[in-house]
Amino acid sequence: MIVDCDTCAVRGTGCAGCAIHALFHTPPEIERLTPDEIQAIEVLARAGLDPEIVEVPDESVPRTPLRLVPLRRDVA
């Protein structure tokens, strides 16, 4: 199989989700994963799920806390 990024129809916009990119460029988030976490992701991927590494939010940026509102049930 020959993969040529120059002829890819979604080059640029689709690079971040490309399997070839993932094989050859290890993002820093994955380098911090433990072997058990990597194995869990591999198991999910083999089962057909699409596991995604999400960025941990920057703790230095203050976040507005969420306000929990009770579920309203309209009784007719």
C-alpha atoms as a PDB file:
ATOM      1  CA  MET A   1       0.000   0.000   0.000  1.00  0.00           C
ATOM      2  CA  ILE A   2       1.303   3.433  -0.898  1.00  0.00           C
ATOM      3  CA  VAL A   3       0.041   6.443   0.993  1.00  0.00           C
ATOM      4  CA  ASP A   4       0.680   9.777  -0.685  1.00  0.00           C
ATOM      5  CA  CYS A   5      -0.348  12.785   1.382  1.00  0.00           C
ATOM      6  CA  ASP A   6       0.117  15.024  -1.671  1.00  0.00           C
ATOM      7  CA  THR A   7      -2.901  13.405  -3.352  1.00  0.00           C
ATOM      8  CA  CYS A   8      -5.130  13.219  -0.257  1.00  0.00           C
ATOM      9  CA  ALA A   9      -8.545  14.811  -0.812  1.00  0.00           C
ATOM     10  CA  VAL A  10      -8.756  16.088   2.785  1.00  0.00           C
ATOM     11  CA  ARG A  11      -5.134  17.122   3.229  1.00  0.00           C
ATOM     12  CA  GLY A  12      -4.807  19.921   5.734  1.00  0.00           C
ATOM     13  CA  THR A  13      -8.307  19.752   7.178  1.00  0.00           C
ATOM     14  CA  GLY A  14      -8.229  16.009   7.840  1.00  0.00           C
ATOM     15  CA  CYS A  15      -4.615  15.563   8.921  1.00  0.00           C
ATOM     16  CA  ALA A  16      -5.345  15.652  12.652  1.00  0.00           C
ATOM     17  CA  GLY A  17      -7.661  12.640  12.410  1.00  0.00           C
ATOM     18  CA  CYS A  18      -5.613  10.692   9.876  1.00  0.00           C
ATOM     19  CA  ALA A  19      -4.429   7.217  10.868  1.00  0.00           C
ATOM     20  CA  ILE A  20      -1.163   7.689   8.968  1.00  0.00           C
ATOM     21  CA  HIS A  21      -0.465  10.869  10.903  1.00  0.00           C
ATOM     22  CA  ALA A  22      -1.165   9.012  14.145  1.00  0.00           C
ATOM     23  CA  LEU A  23       1.245   6.225  13.210  1.00  0.00           C
ATOM     24  CA  PHE A  24       4.189   8.492  12.510  1.00  0.00           C
ATOM     25  CA  HIS A  25       3.617  11.449  14.846  1.00  0.00           C
ATOM     26  CA  THR A  26       3.056  10.647  18.505  1.00  0.00           C
ATOM     27  CA  PRO A  27       1.327  13.580  20.192  1.00  0.00           C
ATOM     28  CA  PRO A  28       2.658  14.593  23.617  1.00  0.00           C
ATOM     29  CA  GLU A  29      -0.646  13.584  25.235  1.00  0.00           C
ATOM     30  CA  ILE A  30      -0.061   9.944  24.276  1.00  0.00           C
ATOM     31  CA  GLU A  31       3.519   9.975  25.519  1.00  0.00           C
ATOM     32  CA  ARG A  32       2.152  10.624  29.016  1.00  0.00           C
ATOM     33  CA  LEU A  33      -0.230   7.635  28.950  1.00  0.00           C
ATOM     34  CA  THR A  34       0.565   4.590  31.045  1.00  0.00           C
ATOM     35  CA  PRO A  35       0.867   1.165  29.378  1.00  0.00           C
ATOM     36  CA  ASP A  36      -2.494   0.183  30.923  1.00  0.00           C
ATOM     37  CA  GLU A  37      -4.184   3.253  29.427  1.00  0.00           C
ATOM     38  CA  ILE A  38      -2.684   2.543  26.004  1.00  0.00           C
ATOM     39  CA  GLN A  39      -3.891  -1.065  26.193  1.00  0.00           C
ATOM     40  CA  ALA A  40      -7.410   0.105  27.134  1.00  0.00           C
ATOM     41  CA  ILE A  41      -7.493   2.432  24.122  1.00  0.00           C
ATOM     42  CA  GLU A  42      -6.310  -0.391  21.846  1.00  0.00           C
ATOM     43  CA  VAL A  43      -9.047  -2.706  23.172  1.00  0.00           C
ATOM     44  CA  LEU A  44     -11.706  -0.057  22.497  1.00  0.00           C
ATOM     45  CA  ALA A  45     -10.338   0.560  18.995  1.00  0.00           C
ATOM     46  CA  ARG A  46     -10.353  -3.170  18.174  1.00  0.00           C
ATOM     47  CA  ALA A  47     -13.967  -3.357  19.385  1.00  0.00           C
ATOM     48  CA  GLY A  48     -14.923  -0.766  16.775  1.00  0.00           C
ATOM     49  CA  LEU A  49     -15.082   2.265  19.034  1.00  0.00           C
ATOM     50  CA  ASP A  50     -13.193   5.380  18.078  1.00  0.00           C
ATOM     51  CA  PRO A  51     -11.306   6.376  21.212  1.00  0.00           C
ATOM     52  CA  GLU A  52     -10.105   9.935  21.192  1.00  0.00           C
ATOM     53  CA  ILE A  53      -7.562  11.611  23.402  1.00  0.00           C
ATOM     54  CA  VAL A  54      -9.040  14.880  24.591  1.00  0.00           C
ATOM     55  CA  GLU A  55      -6.971  17.690  25.930  1.00  0.00           C
ATOM     56  CA  VAL A  56      -7.021  18.310  29.641  1.00  0.00           C
ATOM     57  CA  PRO A  57      -8.366  21.811  30.230  1.00  0.00           C
ATOM     58  CA  ASP A  58      -5.875  24.433  31.337  1.00  0.00           C
ATOM     59  CA  GLU A  59      -6.331  24.765  35.101  1.00  0.00           C
ATOM     60  CA  SER A  60      -4.820  28.256  35.123  1.00  0.00           C
ATOM     61  CA  VAL A  61      -7.857  29.632  33.265  1.00  0.00           C
ATOM     62  CA  PRO A  62     -10.748  30.283  35.680  1.00  0.00           C
ATOM     63  CA  ARG A  63     -13.958  28.527  34.709  1.00  0.00           C
ATOM     64  CA  THR A  64     -17.459  29.530  35.640  1.00  0.00           C
ATOM     65  CA  PRO A  65     -18.987  26.700  37.682  1.00  0.00           C
ATOM     66  CA  LEU A  66     -22.053  25.012  36.249  1.00  0.00           C
ATOM     67  CA  ARG A  67     -25.353  25.592  38.006  1.00  0.00           C
ATOM     68  CA  LEU A  68     -27.436  22.468  38.387  1.00  0.00           C
ATOM     69  CA  VAL A  69     -31.117  23.029  37.709  1.00  0.00           C
ATOM     70  CA  PRO A  70     -33.708  20.430  38.706  1.00  0.00           C
ATOM     71  CA  LEU A  71     -35.464  18.635  35.878  1.00  0.00           C
ATOM     72  CA  ARG A  72     -38.904  20.132  35.316  1.00  0.00           C
ATOM     73  CA  ARG A  73     -41.682  17.685  34.797  1.00  0.00           C
ATOM     74  CA  ASP A  74     -44.860  19.090  33.380  1.00  0.00           C
ATOM     75  CA  VAL A  75     -47.773  17.046  34.610  1.00  0.00           C
ATOM     76  CA  ALA A  76     -50.869  17.407  32.501  1.00  0.00           C
END
